Amino acid sequence: MISDNAVMAGRIVIERIEFRGRCGVTSEERARPQPLAVDLELDCEMAQAGVSDDLRQTVDYAAVVHRIVETGTGRETQLLETMAEELLLVIFHEFQVNRIQLWLRKLSPPITCVTRSVGITIERTRLEQQMLRACPQPATFLAQQLHRLPKGTVLDVAAGRGRHTLFLSSLGYQVEAIDRDAEALAQLLTTARSQNLAGVTTRTLDLEPPPPHAPSLGRARYDAILVFFYLNRPLFPHLRDALKPGGVLLYETFLIENHVQHHHPKRQEFCLAQGELLDLTSGLRVLHYDEGPHEGAHGGESMYTAQLVAQKPIHSGPTV
C-alpha cells in the first residue's frame, strides 16, 4: 500500500547524447576534439507533470542535453572521470533530480584492438553528492559559466571562507584566494587540507588601501579571475592588468535595484548602476552579460545582479 504522503517519483532516460570534446591523458589526444557520448538516467518527481501537462513540474530534458553538450565541449580534461564529475555537478546544481546514473564514453578511442568504445559509469544520489562536496555550493552563475573558464590558475577576489576556491580546486584548478580577513583564509586552508585539495593557496591582502597605495595583484598572472558580491571600483584596472592575455574575468554583484527592492546592501554605493559594469570593464571582450533578477543562494529569493564574463584580448593594442 502506498501512503498518501508518498512521493511519486519517475525516471527520465536520455540515450546517446553525442558531441566532440577534448579528453585525453596526452596533449596529442587533447589537441583534436574526439566523439564522445553520454547516456543518462535521472530520477525525479514527475507525478504532478502527468496531471498538469506542465513542463515546470518535471525536468526539461532538452535543457539537460544543452548543458551536457555545453559543459562537455567547454574545456579539455585529461580524464573521463574529471569530465563526468563536472557533468554530475552541473545537473545536480541546475535541475531537481534525486539520483543520476551516467555513462560517459569515447566512441573512437585511440587504442589498438578496441573496436567500439571505452568509458565509465557513475551512479550517485543528491545526498551522496552533497556529502562528497562537503562545502557550500558555488554561485549558480559560476556553475553555469564553468565551461568558459580556461584551464590554469584562478584568482578568487574577496574570497572569504572560499566556497568558490574549494569548488574550483575540487575540479583540478589551481586557485589563489585573497582577502583582508586572515582568519577566514586560515579556515579556508584548513578546509582545503581536510578535503585533500592541494591546489589552494591564500594571500592576506587589503583590497582598499588608502591613496596613493594600490593593491598588488600582479601583471598577466592569472588565467581567470572571480569576483562575487564585492564592489571596489578603483580595483578594476588592476583586475585587467592581472589577467593573462586571453584570460577571463567572471563577475557578479548587486544592482541598485536590489538596494531599492530588498534594502540590501544597506549602502547604495556598494551597488552597480544599470550598465555600469560594462563601463568598468571596457577594454575586455564581453562573452556574456546580463542584469536583472537572478536566482539567489541555494535557490532562494531572487536578487537583482549584474553578471559578466569578459576576456582580455590576446593581442594588446588600442581598444575601440
C-alpha atoms as a PDB file:
ATOM      1  CA  MET A   1       0.000   0.000   0.000  1.00  0.00           C
ATOM      2  CA  ILE A   2       1.250   3.498  -0.871  1.00  0.00           C
ATOM      3  CA  SER A   3       0.566   6.150   1.771  1.00  0.00           C
ATOM      4  CA  ASP A   4      -0.983   9.500   0.916  1.00  0.00           C
ATOM      5  CA  ASN A   5       2.326  11.193   1.750  1.00  0.00           C
ATOM      6  CA  ALA A   6       4.480   9.035  -0.521  1.00  0.00           C
ATOM      7  CA  VAL A   7       6.492  10.843  -3.148  1.00  0.00           C
ATOM      8  CA  MET A   8       5.684   9.654  -6.651  1.00  0.00           C
ATOM      9  CA  ALA A   9       8.987   9.607  -8.475  1.00  0.00           C
ATOM     10  CA  GLY A  10       9.825   8.666 -12.031  1.00  0.00           C
ATOM     11  CA  ARG A  11      12.852   8.298 -14.250  1.00  0.00           C
ATOM     12  CA  ILE A  12      13.910  10.253 -17.314  1.00  0.00           C
ATOM     13  CA  VAL A  13      16.147   8.305 -19.702  1.00  0.00           C
ATOM     14  CA  ILE A  14      18.283  10.121 -22.281  1.00  0.00           C
ATOM     15  CA  GLU A  15      20.235   7.882 -24.624  1.00  0.00           C
ATOM     16  CA  ARG A  16      23.382   8.717 -26.565  1.00  0.00           C
ATOM     17  CA  ILE A  17      23.988  12.444 -26.351  1.00  0.00           C
ATOM     18  CA  GLU A  18      26.841  12.899 -28.813  1.00  0.00           C
ATOM     19  CA  PHE A  19      29.348  15.762 -29.023  1.00  0.00           C
ATOM     20  CA  ARG A  20      33.028  16.309 -29.716  1.00  0.00           C
ATOM     21  CA  GLY A  21      35.223  17.051 -26.698  1.00  0.00           C
ATOM     22  CA  ARG A  22      38.879  17.278 -25.760  1.00  0.00           C
ATOM     23  CA  CYS A  23      39.682  14.496 -23.320  1.00  0.00           C
ATOM     24  CA  GLY A  24      42.915  12.533 -23.127  1.00  0.00           C
ATOM     25  CA  VAL A  25      45.985  11.942 -20.989  1.00  0.00           C
ATOM     26  CA  THR A  26      48.358  13.055 -23.758  1.00  0.00           C
ATOM     27  CA  SER A  27      48.417  16.534 -25.252  1.00  0.00           C
ATOM     28  CA  GLU A  28      48.243  14.945 -28.699  1.00  0.00           C
ATOM     29  CA  GLU A  29      44.908  13.306 -27.881  1.00  0.00           C
ATOM     30  CA  ARG A  30      43.524  16.553 -26.425  1.00  0.00           C
ATOM     31  CA  ALA A  31      44.671  18.590 -29.420  1.00  0.00           C
ATOM     32  CA  ARG A  32      41.762  17.430 -31.579  1.00  0.00           C
ATOM     33  CA  PRO A  33      38.150  17.040 -30.372  1.00  0.00           C
ATOM     34  CA  GLN A  34      37.002  13.440 -30.480  1.00  0.00           C
ATOM     35  CA  PRO A  35      33.496  11.928 -30.483  1.00  0.00           C
ATOM     36  CA  LEU A  36      32.058  11.353 -27.005  1.00  0.00           C
ATOM     37  CA  ALA A  37      28.681  10.060 -25.891  1.00  0.00           C
ATOM     38  CA  VAL A  38      26.644  10.345 -22.691  1.00  0.00           C
ATOM     39  CA  ASP A  39      23.676   8.261 -21.522  1.00  0.00           C
ATOM     40  CA  LEU A  40      21.650   9.449 -18.526  1.00  0.00           C
ATOM     41  CA  GLU A  41      19.029   8.150 -16.141  1.00  0.00           C
ATOM     42  CA  LEU A  42      17.567  10.886 -13.945  1.00  0.00           C
ATOM     43  CA  ASP A  43      15.274  10.106 -11.014  1.00  0.00           C
ATOM     44  CA  CYS A  44      12.905  12.985 -10.338  1.00  0.00           C
ATOM     45  CA  GLU A  45       9.397  13.813  -9.171  1.00  0.00           C
ATOM     46  CA  MET A  46       7.093  13.914 -12.161  1.00  0.00           C
ATOM     47  CA  ALA A  47       3.619  12.891 -10.974  1.00  0.00           C
ATOM     48  CA  GLN A  48       2.345  16.474 -10.996  1.00  0.00           C
ATOM     49  CA  ALA A  49       3.525  16.937 -14.577  1.00  0.00           C
ATOM     50  CA  GLY A  50       1.416  13.980 -15.634  1.00  0.00           C
ATOM     51  CA  VAL A  51      -1.638  15.656 -14.134  1.00  0.00           C
ATOM     52  CA  SER A  52      -0.969  19.261 -15.151  1.00  0.00           C
ATOM     53  CA  ASP A  53       0.795  18.685 -18.505  1.00  0.00           C
ATOM     54  CA  ASP A  54       3.158  21.463 -17.345  1.00  0.00           C
ATOM     55  CA  LEU A  55       6.888  21.293 -18.150  1.00  0.00           C
ATOM     56  CA  ARG A  56       7.661  23.257 -14.982  1.00  0.00           C
ATOM     57  CA  GLN A  57       6.525  20.262 -12.907  1.00  0.00           C
ATOM     58  CA  THR A  58       9.270  17.989 -14.232  1.00  0.00           C
ATOM     59  CA  VAL A  59      12.832  18.125 -15.578  1.00  0.00           C
ATOM     60  CA  ASP A  60      13.273  19.677 -19.022  1.00  0.00           C
ATOM     61  CA  TYR A  61      15.377  17.024 -20.767  1.00  0.00           C
ATOM     62  CA  ALA A  62      16.116  19.368 -23.696  1.00  0.00           C
ATOM     63  CA  ALA A  63      17.727  21.791 -21.230  1.00  0.00           C
ATOM     64  CA  VAL A  64      19.696  18.907 -19.700  1.00  0.00           C
ATOM     65  CA  VAL A  65      21.024  17.910 -23.121  1.00  0.00           C
ATOM     66  CA  HIS A  66      22.024  21.514 -23.872  1.00  0.00           C
ATOM     67  CA  ARG A  67      24.001  21.803 -20.618  1.00  0.00           C
ATOM     68  CA  ILE A  68      25.673  18.415 -21.120  1.00  0.00           C
ATOM     69  CA  VAL A  69      26.927  19.438 -24.554  1.00  0.00           C
ATOM     70  CA  GLU A  70      27.914  22.927 -23.387  1.00  0.00           C
ATOM     71  CA  THR A  71      29.880  21.547 -20.436  1.00  0.00           C
ATOM     72  CA  GLY A  72      31.428  18.645 -22.347  1.00  0.00           C
ATOM     73  CA  THR A  73      32.715  20.870 -25.127  1.00  0.00           C
ATOM     74  CA  GLY A  74      33.664  23.768 -22.872  1.00  0.00           C
ATOM     75  CA  ARG A  75      37.138  22.794 -21.727  1.00  0.00           C
ATOM     76  CA  GLU A  76      39.656  19.991 -22.019  1.00  0.00           C
ATOM     77  CA  THR A  77      40.319  17.336 -19.379  1.00  0.00           C
ATOM     78  CA  GLN A  78      42.816  14.536 -19.102  1.00  0.00           C
ATOM     79  CA  LEU A  79      40.401  12.009 -17.600  1.00  0.00           C
ATOM     80  CA  LEU A  80      36.871  10.911 -18.371  1.00  0.00           C
ATOM     81  CA  GLU A  81      36.400  10.819 -14.591  1.00  0.00           C
ATOM     82  CA  THR A  82      37.023  14.568 -14.372  1.00  0.00           C
ATOM     83  CA  MET A  83      34.590  15.354 -17.167  1.00  0.00           C
ATOM     84  CA  ALA A  84      31.982  13.068 -15.601  1.00  0.00           C
ATOM     85  CA  GLU A  85      32.281  14.877 -12.261  1.00  0.00           C
ATOM     86  CA  GLU A  86      31.704  18.209 -13.987  1.00  0.00           C
ATOM     87  CA  LEU A  87      28.618  16.840 -15.731  1.00  0.00           C
ATOM     88  CA  LEU A  88      27.211  15.480 -12.456  1.00  0.00           C
ATOM     89  CA  LEU A  89      27.852  18.796 -10.742  1.00  0.00           C
ATOM     90  CA  VAL A  90      26.009  20.790 -13.391  1.00  0.00           C
ATOM     91  CA  ILE A  91      22.966  18.507 -13.425  1.00  0.00           C
ATOM     92  CA  PHE A  92      22.598  18.358  -9.644  1.00  0.00           C
ATOM     93  CA  HIS A  93      23.131  22.097  -9.333  1.00  0.00           C
ATOM     94  CA  GLU A  94      20.700  23.210 -12.037  1.00  0.00           C
ATOM     95  CA  PHE A  95      17.979  20.549 -12.098  1.00  0.00           C
ATOM     96  CA  GLN A  96      15.738  18.974  -9.457  1.00  0.00           C
ATOM     97  CA  VAL A  97      16.914  15.389  -9.754  1.00  0.00           C
ATOM     98  CA  ASN A  98      17.357  12.963  -6.858  1.00  0.00           C
ATOM     99  CA  ARG A  99      19.670  10.438  -8.492  1.00  0.00           C
ATOM    100  CA  ILE A 100      21.826  10.308 -11.607  1.00  0.00           C
ATOM    101  CA  GLN A 101      23.205   7.327 -13.467  1.00  0.00           C
ATOM    102  CA  LEU A 102      25.695   8.497 -16.076  1.00  0.00           C
ATOM    103  CA  TRP A 103      27.605   6.611 -18.774  1.00  0.00           C
ATOM    104  CA  LEU A 104      30.340   8.628 -20.493  1.00  0.00           C
ATOM    105  CA  ARG A 105      32.455   7.073 -23.236  1.00  0.00           C
ATOM    106  CA  LYS A 106      34.865   7.701 -26.082  1.00  0.00           C
ATOM    107  CA  LEU A 107      33.371   6.419 -29.306  1.00  0.00           C
ATOM    108  CA  SER A 108      36.689   6.183 -31.176  1.00  0.00           C
ATOM    109  CA  PRO A 109      39.365   5.615 -28.528  1.00  0.00           C
ATOM    110  CA  PRO A 110      42.975   5.678 -29.773  1.00  0.00           C
ATOM    111  CA  ILE A 111      43.624   2.148 -28.515  1.00  0.00           C
ATOM    112  CA  THR A 112      44.590  -0.742 -30.754  1.00  0.00           C
ATOM    113  CA  CYS A 113      42.041  -3.594 -30.835  1.00  0.00           C
ATOM    114  CA  VAL A 114      39.221  -1.582 -29.197  1.00  0.00           C
ATOM    115  CA  THR A 115      36.598  -1.634 -31.944  1.00  0.00           C
ATOM    116  CA  ARG A 116      33.736   0.146 -30.195  1.00  0.00           C
ATOM    117  CA  SER A 117      34.131   2.379 -27.121  1.00  0.00           C
ATOM    118  CA  VAL A 118      35.715   2.822 -23.697  1.00  0.00           C
ATOM    119  CA  GLY A 119      34.058   4.691 -20.870  1.00  0.00           C
ATOM    120  CA  ILE A 120      32.968   4.964 -17.260  1.00  0.00           C
ATOM    121  CA  THR A 121      29.656   4.726 -15.414  1.00  0.00           C
ATOM    122  CA  ILE A 122      28.771   6.586 -12.223  1.00  0.00           C
ATOM    123  CA  GLU A 123      25.636   6.345 -10.127  1.00  0.00           C
ATOM    124  CA  ARG A 124      25.093   8.972  -7.431  1.00  0.00           C
ATOM    125  CA  THR A 125      22.291  10.397  -5.309  1.00  0.00           C
ATOM    126  CA  ARG A 126      21.906  14.054  -4.425  1.00  0.00           C
ATOM    127  CA  LEU A 127      22.754  13.303  -0.790  1.00  0.00           C
ATOM    128  CA  GLU A 128      25.918  11.464  -1.818  1.00  0.00           C
ATOM    129  CA  GLN A 129      26.888  14.439  -3.995  1.00  0.00           C
ATOM    130  CA  GLN A 130      26.434  16.834  -1.091  1.00  0.00           C
ATOM    131  CA  MET A 131      28.447  14.635   1.249  1.00  0.00           C
ATOM    132  CA  LEU A 132      31.196  14.273  -1.350  1.00  0.00           C
ATOM    133  CA  ARG A 133      31.499  18.022  -1.762  1.00  0.00           C
ATOM    134  CA  ALA A 134      31.026  18.823   1.942  1.00  0.00           C
ATOM    135  CA  CYS A 135      31.317  22.547   1.298  1.00  0.00           C
ATOM    136  CA  PRO A 136      28.928  25.414   0.484  1.00  0.00           C
ATOM    137  CA  GLN A 137      27.516  25.341  -3.024  1.00  0.00           C
ATOM    138  CA  PRO A 138      29.017  27.750  -5.573  1.00  0.00           C
ATOM    139  CA  ALA A 139      27.008  30.612  -7.007  1.00  0.00           C
ATOM    140  CA  THR A 140      24.651  29.465  -9.736  1.00  0.00           C
ATOM    141  CA  PHE A 141      26.312  31.868 -12.176  1.00  0.00           C
ATOM    142  CA  LEU A 142      29.706  30.205 -11.665  1.00  0.00           C
ATOM    143  CA  ALA A 143      28.265  26.735 -12.271  1.00  0.00           C
ATOM    144  CA  GLN A 144      26.530  27.991 -15.412  1.00  0.00           C
ATOM    145  CA  GLN A 145      29.671  29.626 -16.813  1.00  0.00           C
ATOM    146  CA  LEU A 146      32.176  26.971 -15.789  1.00  0.00           C
ATOM    147  CA  HIS A 147      32.719  25.976 -19.416  1.00  0.00           C
ATOM    148  CA  ARG A 148      34.117  29.440 -20.150  1.00  0.00           C
ATOM    149  CA  LEU A 149      36.882  29.285 -17.539  1.00  0.00           C
ATOM    150  CA  PRO A 150      40.238  28.445 -19.134  1.00  0.00           C
ATOM    151  CA  LYS A 151      42.342  25.764 -17.556  1.00  0.00           C
ATOM    152  CA  GLY A 152      45.063  27.121 -15.297  1.00  0.00           C
ATOM    153  CA  THR A 153      45.456  29.459 -12.333  1.00  0.00           C
ATOM    154  CA  VAL A 154      42.442  31.291 -10.917  1.00  0.00           C
ATOM    155  CA  LEU A 155      42.329  34.294  -8.578  1.00  0.00           C
ATOM    156  CA  ASP A 156      39.374  34.399  -6.182  1.00  0.00           C
ATOM    157  CA  VAL A 157      38.991  38.031  -5.088  1.00  0.00           C
ATOM    158  CA  ALA A 158      37.478  38.818  -1.670  1.00  0.00           C
ATOM    159  CA  ALA A 159      37.246  35.054  -1.210  1.00  0.00           C
ATOM    160  CA  GLY A 160      36.225  34.985   2.451  1.00  0.00           C
ATOM    161  CA  ARG A 161      35.958  31.346   3.555  1.00  0.00           C
ATOM    162  CA  GLY A 162      36.336  30.316  -0.061  1.00  0.00           C
ATOM    163  CA  ARG A 163      33.296  28.431  -1.333  1.00  0.00           C
ATOM    164  CA  HIS A 164      34.361  29.169  -4.915  1.00  0.00           C
ATOM    165  CA  THR A 165      38.012  28.405  -4.221  1.00  0.00           C
ATOM    166  CA  LEU A 166      37.092  24.986  -2.813  1.00  0.00           C
ATOM    167  CA  PHE A 167      34.695  24.300  -5.651  1.00  0.00           C
ATOM    168  CA  LEU A 168      37.199  25.050  -8.424  1.00  0.00           C
ATOM    169  CA  SER A 169      40.058  23.326  -6.635  1.00  0.00           C
ATOM    170  CA  SER A 170      37.951  20.152  -6.426  1.00  0.00           C
ATOM    171  CA  LEU A 171      37.750  20.294 -10.245  1.00  0.00           C
ATOM    172  CA  GLY A 172      41.511  20.496 -10.652  1.00  0.00           C
ATOM    173  CA  TYR A 173      42.105  24.260 -10.866  1.00  0.00           C
ATOM    174  CA  GLN A 174      44.992  25.972  -9.100  1.00  0.00           C
ATOM    175  CA  VAL A 175      43.285  28.709  -7.069  1.00  0.00           C
ATOM    176  CA  GLU A 176      44.735  31.632  -5.123  1.00  0.00           C
ATOM    177  CA  ALA A 177      42.283  33.175  -2.660  1.00  0.00           C
ATOM    178  CA  ILE A 178      42.827  36.737  -1.493  1.00  0.00           C
ATOM    179  CA  ASP A 179      41.029  38.611   1.261  1.00  0.00           C
ATOM    180  CA  ARG A 180      41.899  41.016   4.054  1.00  0.00           C
ATOM    181  CA  ASP A 181      40.377  38.624   6.628  1.00  0.00           C
ATOM    182  CA  ALA A 182      43.327  36.449   7.677  1.00  0.00           C
ATOM    183  CA  GLU A 183      41.133  34.338   9.965  1.00  0.00           C
ATOM    184  CA  ALA A 184      38.755  33.449   7.123  1.00  0.00           C
ATOM    185  CA  LEU A 185      41.668  32.473   4.880  1.00  0.00           C
ATOM    186  CA  ALA A 186      43.145  30.310   7.625  1.00  0.00           C
ATOM    187  CA  GLN A 187      39.821  28.485   7.898  1.00  0.00           C
ATOM    188  CA  LEU A 188      39.795  28.087   4.118  1.00  0.00           C
ATOM    189  CA  LEU A 189      43.224  26.418   4.169  1.00  0.00           C
ATOM    190  CA  THR A 190      42.114  24.090   6.959  1.00  0.00           C
ATOM    191  CA  THR A 191      39.047  23.066   4.958  1.00  0.00           C
ATOM    192  CA  ALA A 192      41.118  22.558   1.801  1.00  0.00           C
ATOM    193  CA  ARG A 193      43.567  20.280   3.632  1.00  0.00           C
ATOM    194  CA  SER A 194      40.729  18.269   5.181  1.00  0.00           C
ATOM    195  CA  GLN A 195      39.412  17.632   1.658  1.00  0.00           C
ATOM    196  CA  ASN A 196      42.880  16.841   0.247  1.00  0.00           C
ATOM    197  CA  LEU A 197      42.757  19.843  -2.094  1.00  0.00           C
ATOM    198  CA  ALA A 198      46.384  20.604  -2.831  1.00  0.00           C
ATOM    199  CA  GLY A 199      45.752  23.360  -5.385  1.00  0.00           C
ATOM    200  CA  VAL A 200      44.721  26.090  -2.911  1.00  0.00           C
ATOM    201  CA  THR A 201      46.911  28.993  -1.840  1.00  0.00           C
ATOM    202  CA  THR A 202      45.909  32.109   0.096  1.00  0.00           C
ATOM    203  CA  ARG A 203      47.183  35.649   0.456  1.00  0.00           C
ATOM    204  CA  THR A 204      46.039  38.221   3.002  1.00  0.00           C
ATOM    205  CA  LEU A 205      45.648  41.485   1.110  1.00  0.00           C
ATOM    206  CA  ASP A 206      43.924  44.794   1.759  1.00  0.00           C
ATOM    207  CA  LEU A 207      41.995  45.463  -1.464  1.00  0.00           C
ATOM    208  CA  GLU A 208      41.129  49.013  -0.405  1.00  0.00           C
ATOM    209  CA  PRO A 209      44.387  50.624   0.781  1.00  0.00           C
ATOM    210  CA  PRO A 210      44.421  54.407   1.300  1.00  0.00           C
ATOM    211  CA  PRO A 211      45.752  56.508  -1.620  1.00  0.00           C
ATOM    212  CA  PRO A 212      48.270  56.583  -3.170  1.00  0.00           C
ATOM    213  CA  HIS A 213      48.738  52.901  -2.443  1.00  0.00           C
ATOM    214  CA  ALA A 214      47.236  50.250  -4.701  1.00  0.00           C
ATOM    215  CA  PRO A 215      46.573  46.530  -4.180  1.00  0.00           C
ATOM    216  CA  SER A 216      49.235  44.309  -5.737  1.00  0.00           C
ATOM    217  CA  LEU A 217      47.581  41.699  -7.945  1.00  0.00           C
ATOM    218  CA  GLY A 218      50.479  41.306 -10.349  1.00  0.00           C
ATOM    219  CA  ARG A 219      50.561  41.606 -14.132  1.00  0.00           C
ATOM    220  CA  ALA A 220      49.450  38.950 -16.640  1.00  0.00           C
ATOM    221  CA  ARG A 221      49.433  36.391 -13.844  1.00  0.00           C
ATOM    222  CA  TYR A 222      46.037  34.642 -13.902  1.00  0.00           C
ATOM    223  CA  ASP A 223      44.080  32.623 -16.443  1.00  0.00           C
ATOM    224  CA  ALA A 224      40.819  33.609 -14.755  1.00  0.00           C
ATOM    225  CA  ILE A 225      39.660  35.977 -12.015  1.00  0.00           C
ATOM    226  CA  LEU A 226      36.459  35.609  -9.985  1.00  0.00           C
ATOM    227  CA  VAL A 227      34.706  38.417  -8.139  1.00  0.00           C
ATOM    228  CA  PHE A 228      31.397  37.713  -6.400  1.00  0.00           C
ATOM    229  CA  PHE A 229      29.392  40.256  -4.424  1.00  0.00           C
ATOM    230  CA  TYR A 230      32.261  42.637  -3.862  1.00  0.00           C
ATOM    231  CA  LEU A 231      32.469  46.068  -5.463  1.00  0.00           C
ATOM    232  CA  ASN A 232      35.516  48.324  -5.348  1.00  0.00           C
ATOM    233  CA  ARG A 233      35.524  50.492  -8.443  1.00  0.00           C
ATOM    234  CA  PRO A 234      39.226  51.542  -8.295  1.00  0.00           C
ATOM    235  CA  LEU A 235      40.184  47.840  -8.391  1.00  0.00           C
ATOM    236  CA  PHE A 236      39.040  47.243 -11.980  1.00  0.00           C
ATOM    237  CA  PRO A 237      42.242  48.428 -13.770  1.00  0.00           C
ATOM    238  CA  HIS A 238      44.246  46.090 -11.516  1.00  0.00           C
ATOM    239  CA  LEU A 239      41.940  43.186 -12.382  1.00  0.00           C
ATOM    240  CA  ARG A 240      42.531  43.801 -16.091  1.00  0.00           C
ATOM    241  CA  ASP A 241      46.283  44.024 -15.593  1.00  0.00           C
ATOM    242  CA  ALA A 242      46.370  40.797 -13.565  1.00  0.00           C
ATOM    243  CA  LEU A 243      44.734  38.749 -16.334  1.00  0.00           C
ATOM    244  CA  LYS A 244      46.896  36.930 -18.825  1.00  0.00           C
ATOM    245  CA  PRO A 245      46.156  37.658 -22.498  1.00  0.00           C
ATOM    246  CA  GLY A 246      43.104  35.538 -23.260  1.00  0.00           C
ATOM    247  CA  GLY A 247      42.261  35.333 -19.553  1.00  0.00           C
ATOM    248  CA  VAL A 248      38.669  35.582 -18.349  1.00  0.00           C
ATOM    249  CA  LEU A 249      37.037  37.789 -15.718  1.00  0.00           C
ATOM    250  CA  LEU A 250      33.857  36.382 -14.173  1.00  0.00           C
ATOM    251  CA  TYR A 251      31.977  38.973 -12.095  1.00  0.00           C
ATOM    252  CA  GLU A 252      28.622  39.160 -10.323  1.00  0.00           C
ATOM    253  CA  THR A 253      27.362  41.691  -7.795  1.00  0.00           C
ATOM    254  CA  PHE A 254      24.294  43.651  -6.762  1.00  0.00           C
ATOM    255  CA  LEU A 255      22.461  46.216  -8.839  1.00  0.00           C
ATOM    256  CA  ILE A 256      20.971  49.355  -7.295  1.00  0.00           C
ATOM    257  CA  GLU A 257      17.566  47.747  -7.866  1.00  0.00           C
ATOM    258  CA  ASN A 258      18.389  45.196  -5.156  1.00  0.00           C
ATOM    259  CA  HIS A 259      19.006  48.019  -2.675  1.00  0.00           C
ATOM    260  CA  VAL A 260      15.677  49.614  -3.607  1.00  0.00           C
ATOM    261  CA  GLN A 261      13.644  46.382  -3.542  1.00  0.00           C
ATOM    262  CA  HIS A 262      15.302  44.432  -0.724  1.00  0.00           C
ATOM    263  CA  HIS A 263      17.323  47.086   1.184  1.00  0.00           C
ATOM    264  CA  HIS A 264      20.462  45.067   0.638  1.00  0.00           C
ATOM    265  CA  PRO A 265      23.251  46.052   0.615  1.00  0.00           C
ATOM    266  CA  LYS A 266      22.365  48.780   3.104  1.00  0.00           C
ATOM    267  CA  ARG A 267      24.625  51.304   1.372  1.00  0.00           C
ATOM    268  CA  GLN A 268      23.769  52.010  -2.239  1.00  0.00           C
ATOM    269  CA  GLU A 269      27.370  52.801  -3.185  1.00  0.00           C
ATOM    270  CA  PHE A 270      28.003  49.063  -2.927  1.00  0.00           C
ATOM    271  CA  CYS A 271      25.590  48.536  -5.840  1.00  0.00           C
ATOM    272  CA  LEU A 272      26.066  48.964  -9.566  1.00  0.00           C
ATOM    273  CA  ALA A 273      24.020  51.276 -11.736  1.00  0.00           C
ATOM    274  CA  GLN A 274      22.496  49.804 -14.876  1.00  0.00           C
ATOM    275  CA  GLY A 275      25.208  49.232 -17.472  1.00  0.00           C
ATOM    276  CA  GLU A 276      27.968  50.362 -15.098  1.00  0.00           C
ATOM    277  CA  LEU A 277      29.769  47.012 -15.037  1.00  0.00           C
ATOM    278  CA  LEU A 278      30.253  47.192 -18.811  1.00  0.00           C
ATOM    279  CA  ASP A 279      31.831  50.636 -18.450  1.00  0.00           C
ATOM    280  CA  LEU A 280      34.117  49.471 -15.638  1.00  0.00           C
ATOM    281  CA  THR A 281      35.402  46.565 -17.758  1.00  0.00           C
ATOM    282  CA  SER A 282      35.851  48.440 -21.032  1.00  0.00           C
ATOM    283  CA  GLY A 283      38.778  47.027 -22.976  1.00  0.00           C
ATOM    284  CA  LEU A 284      37.708  43.442 -22.304  1.00  0.00           C
ATOM    285  CA  ARG A 285      35.724  41.393 -24.817  1.00  0.00           C
ATOM    286  CA  VAL A 286      32.293  40.586 -23.424  1.00  0.00           C
ATOM    287  CA  LEU A 287      31.396  36.888 -23.692  1.00  0.00           C
ATOM    288  CA  HIS A 288      28.251  37.082 -21.583  1.00  0.00           C
ATOM    289  CA  TYR A 289      26.354  39.907 -19.907  1.00  0.00           C
ATOM    290  CA  ASP A 290      23.027  40.041 -18.136  1.00  0.00           C
ATOM    291  CA  GLU A 291      21.457  42.216 -15.475  1.00  0.00           C
ATOM    292  CA  GLY A 292      18.179  41.790 -13.643  1.00  0.00           C
ATOM    293  CA  PRO A 293      16.635  39.287 -11.212  1.00  0.00           C
ATOM    294  CA  HIS A 294      18.704  36.132 -10.787  1.00  0.00           C
ATOM    295  CA  GLU A 295      18.452  33.068  -8.577  1.00  0.00           C
ATOM    296  CA  GLY A 296      19.580  33.691  -5.012  1.00  0.00           C
ATOM    297  CA  ALA A 297      21.708  31.480  -2.823  1.00  0.00           C
ATOM    298  CA  HIS A 298      20.533  27.845  -2.673  1.00  0.00           C
ATOM    299  CA  GLY A 299      17.618  28.646  -4.971  1.00  0.00           C
ATOM    300  CA  GLY A 300      16.204  31.259  -2.576  1.00  0.00           C
ATOM    301  CA  GLU A 301      14.633  34.651  -3.239  1.00  0.00           C
ATOM    302  CA  SER A 302      15.789  36.298  -6.462  1.00  0.00           C
ATOM    303  CA  MET A 303      18.425  39.027  -6.296  1.00  0.00           C
ATOM    304  CA  TYR A 304      18.961  41.872  -8.739  1.00  0.00           C
ATOM    305  CA  THR A 305      22.501  41.464 -10.002  1.00  0.00           C
ATOM    306  CA  ALA A 306      24.749  42.186 -12.946  1.00  0.00           C
ATOM    307  CA  GLN A 307      26.556  39.143 -14.381  1.00  0.00           C
ATOM    308  CA  LEU A 308      29.570  39.421 -16.651  1.00  0.00           C
ATOM    309  CA  VAL A 309      32.051  37.113 -18.343  1.00  0.00           C
ATOM    310  CA  ALA A 310      34.705  39.036 -20.283  1.00  0.00           C
ATOM    311  CA  GLN A 311      38.019  38.129 -21.877  1.00  0.00           C
ATOM    312  CA  LYS A 312      41.263  40.067 -22.076  1.00  0.00           C
ATOM    313  CA  PRO A 313      42.391  40.440 -25.714  1.00  0.00           C
ATOM    314  CA  ILE A 314      45.161  38.069 -26.701  1.00  0.00           C
ATOM    315  CA  HIS A 315      46.935  40.750 -28.711  1.00  0.00           C
ATOM    316  CA  SER A 316      47.441  44.051 -26.952  1.00  0.00           C
ATOM    317  CA  GLY A 317      46.725  47.239 -28.784  1.00  0.00           C
ATOM    318  CA  PRO A 318      44.453  50.272 -28.814  1.00  0.00           C
ATOM    319  CA  THR A 319      40.853  49.489 -27.883  1.00  0.00           C
ATOM    320  CA  VAL A 320      37.917  50.983 -29.748  1.00  0.00           C
END
